[in-house]
Each structure stands twice: as C-alpha cells, then as structure tokens.
Amino acid sequence: MAQCVAVQPDGALVASRSQELCDYVLLTNAELQQLSDTSLVNTLTELFAFDAQLFAAVHAWALATFILAHGVGRTVRTLGKG
C-alpha cells in the first residue's frame, strides 16, 4: 500500500496522514513493478499504434509522386527523341 511521506525541516522522512497534501509517496516493490509495466505498455502502444489517417496520407503522397515522376519521365523521353 502506498504511503504518503512528508519531509521534516531536519531532512527526516515522516509518514503523513494527509492524502491531499502529499509531496512524496513510498511504494511497495509490487506497486512499483505494476506501475513500471503499465507505463511501458502505454509507451509502446503509443509509439507503435497504427494510424490509418497517417498511412492514407503517406500512401496518397507516394502514389501521386510516383505518377507525377512517371509522367515527367515520359515527357522528357519524348522530347529527347525529337
């Protein structure tokens, strides 16, 4: 169970009963592990989540660039033969 801790003026740590004014919290090893695992999972989910709108925009940009470059290449080739 997490415990709220207050720092005394002499630097000593004292358990505090106040839950609203809590600057520091002591966690058990199990709570820390759960918090770390949850944080890691959330970070990986945010980094590697598939964004359909971004994929569609990049795909459309790549297709338009390919078609435009292909047309320019054909035009240059046709003008070069003359």
C-alpha atoms as a PDB file:
ATOM      1  CA  MET A   1       0.000   0.000   0.000  1.00  0.00           C
ATOM      2  CA  ALA A   2       1.353   3.412  -0.958  1.00  0.00           C
ATOM      3  CA  GLN A   3       2.268   5.668   1.944  1.00  0.00           C
ATOM      4  CA  CYS A   4       2.303   9.455   1.848  1.00  0.00           C
ATOM      5  CA  VAL A   5       5.564  10.862   3.232  1.00  0.00           C
ATOM      6  CA  ALA A   6       6.413  14.353   4.490  1.00  0.00           C
ATOM      7  CA  VAL A   7       9.911  15.777   4.816  1.00  0.00           C
ATOM      8  CA  GLN A   8      10.711  17.391   8.156  1.00  0.00           C
ATOM      9  CA  PRO A   9      12.873  20.550   8.346  1.00  0.00           C
ATOM     10  CA  ASP A  10      15.804  18.448   9.592  1.00  0.00           C
ATOM     11  CA  GLY A  11      15.522  16.205   6.482  1.00  0.00           C
ATOM     12  CA  ALA A  12      13.845  13.255   8.168  1.00  0.00           C
ATOM     13  CA  LEU A  13      11.010  11.428   6.418  1.00  0.00           C
ATOM     14  CA  VAL A  14       7.793  11.006   8.373  1.00  0.00           C
ATOM     15  CA  ALA A  15       4.634   9.152   7.371  1.00  0.00           C
ATOM     16  CA  SER A  16       1.838  11.639   6.786  1.00  0.00           C
ATOM     17  CA  ARG A  17      -1.878  11.099   7.323  1.00  0.00           C
ATOM     18  CA  SER A  18      -2.850  13.830   4.864  1.00  0.00           C
ATOM     19  CA  GLN A  19      -3.665  12.408   1.434  1.00  0.00           C
ATOM     20  CA  GLU A  20      -4.369  15.787  -0.195  1.00  0.00           C
ATOM     21  CA  LEU A  21      -1.012  17.421   0.529  1.00  0.00           C
ATOM     22  CA  CYS A  22       1.382  14.673  -0.410  1.00  0.00           C
ATOM     23  CA  ASP A  23       4.730  15.644  -1.933  1.00  0.00           C
ATOM     24  CA  TYR A  24       6.303  12.182  -1.821  1.00  0.00           C
ATOM     25  CA  VAL A  25       4.886   8.664  -1.919  1.00  0.00           C
ATOM     26  CA  LEU A  26       6.542   5.441  -0.808  1.00  0.00           C
ATOM     27  CA  LEU A  27       5.549   2.427  -2.903  1.00  0.00           C
ATOM     28  CA  THR A  28       5.934  -1.259  -2.303  1.00  0.00           C
ATOM     29  CA  ASN A  29       8.044  -3.235  -4.740  1.00  0.00           C
ATOM     30  CA  ALA A  30       4.916  -4.816  -6.266  1.00  0.00           C
ATOM     31  CA  GLU A  31       3.280  -1.398  -6.791  1.00  0.00           C
ATOM     32  CA  LEU A  32       6.417  -0.027  -8.420  1.00  0.00           C
ATOM     33  CA  GLN A  33       6.658  -3.048 -10.724  1.00  0.00           C
ATOM     34  CA  GLN A  34       2.997  -2.729 -11.730  1.00  0.00           C
ATOM     35  CA  LEU A  35       3.414   0.999 -12.375  1.00  0.00           C
ATOM     36  CA  SER A  36       6.548   0.398 -14.453  1.00  0.00           C
ATOM     37  CA  ASP A  37       4.898  -2.359 -16.502  1.00  0.00           C
ATOM     38  CA  THR A  38       1.800  -0.269 -17.150  1.00  0.00           C
ATOM     39  CA  SER A  39       3.911   2.719 -18.157  1.00  0.00           C
ATOM     40  CA  LEU A  40       5.996   0.593 -20.533  1.00  0.00           C
ATOM     41  CA  VAL A  41       2.908  -0.930 -22.150  1.00  0.00           C
ATOM     42  CA  ASN A  42       1.313   2.501 -22.620  1.00  0.00           C
ATOM     43  CA  THR A  43       4.501   3.923 -24.132  1.00  0.00           C
ATOM     44  CA  LEU A  44       4.877   1.038 -26.577  1.00  0.00           C
ATOM     45  CA  THR A  45       1.207   1.260 -27.534  1.00  0.00           C
ATOM     46  CA  GLU A  46       1.537   4.970 -28.295  1.00  0.00           C
ATOM     47  CA  LEU A  47       4.746   4.503 -30.295  1.00  0.00           C
ATOM     48  CA  PHE A  48       3.647   1.551 -32.412  1.00  0.00           C
ATOM     49  CA  ALA A  49      -0.083   2.157 -32.775  1.00  0.00           C
ATOM     50  CA  PHE A  50      -1.258   2.032 -36.404  1.00  0.00           C
ATOM     51  CA  ASP A  51      -2.591   5.397 -37.522  1.00  0.00           C
ATOM     52  CA  ALA A  52      -4.868   4.844 -40.527  1.00  0.00           C
ATOM     53  CA  GLN A  53      -5.099   8.550 -41.402  1.00  0.00           C
ATOM     54  CA  LEU A  54      -1.322   8.972 -41.443  1.00  0.00           C
ATOM     55  CA  PHE A  55      -0.921   5.808 -43.517  1.00  0.00           C
ATOM     56  CA  ALA A  56      -3.516   7.024 -46.040  1.00  0.00           C
ATOM     57  CA  ALA A  57      -1.825  10.432 -46.330  1.00  0.00           C
ATOM     58  CA  VAL A  58       1.647   8.945 -46.858  1.00  0.00           C
ATOM     59  CA  HIS A  59       0.288   6.366 -49.301  1.00  0.00           C
ATOM     60  CA  ALA A  60      -1.527   9.045 -51.332  1.00  0.00           C
ATOM     61  CA  TRP A  61       1.572  11.250 -51.353  1.00  0.00           C
ATOM     62  CA  ALA A  62       3.781   8.379 -52.541  1.00  0.00           C
ATOM     63  CA  LEU A  63       1.315   7.387 -55.269  1.00  0.00           C
ATOM     64  CA  ALA A  64       0.936  10.974 -56.506  1.00  0.00           C
ATOM     65  CA  THR A  65       4.711  11.453 -56.538  1.00  0.00           C
ATOM     66  CA  PHE A  66       5.206   8.228 -58.496  1.00  0.00           C
ATOM     67  CA  ILE A  67       2.569   9.135 -61.102  1.00  0.00           C
ATOM     68  CA  LEU A  68       3.926  12.677 -61.477  1.00  0.00           C
ATOM     69  CA  ALA A  69       7.531  11.484 -61.812  1.00  0.00           C
ATOM     70  CA  HIS A  70       6.495   8.818 -64.311  1.00  0.00           C
ATOM     71  CA  GLY A  71       4.698  11.454 -66.405  1.00  0.00           C
ATOM     72  CA  VAL A  72       7.690  13.791 -66.272  1.00  0.00           C
ATOM     73  CA  GLY A  73       9.979  10.943 -67.296  1.00  0.00           C
ATOM     74  CA  ARG A  74       7.794  10.057 -70.272  1.00  0.00           C
ATOM     75  CA  THR A  75       7.651  13.706 -71.328  1.00  0.00           C
ATOM     76  CA  VAL A  76      11.420  14.131 -71.108  1.00  0.00           C
ATOM     77  CA  ARG A  77      11.930  10.904 -73.046  1.00  0.00           C
ATOM     78  CA  THR A  78       9.519  12.028 -75.774  1.00  0.00           C
ATOM     79  CA  LEU A  79      11.147  15.458 -76.054  1.00  0.00           C
ATOM     80  CA  GLY A  80      14.607  13.889 -76.142  1.00  0.00           C
ATOM     81  CA  LYS A  81      13.814  11.794 -79.216  1.00  0.00           C
ATOM     82  CA  GLY A  82      12.998  14.857 -81.334  1.00  0.00           C
END
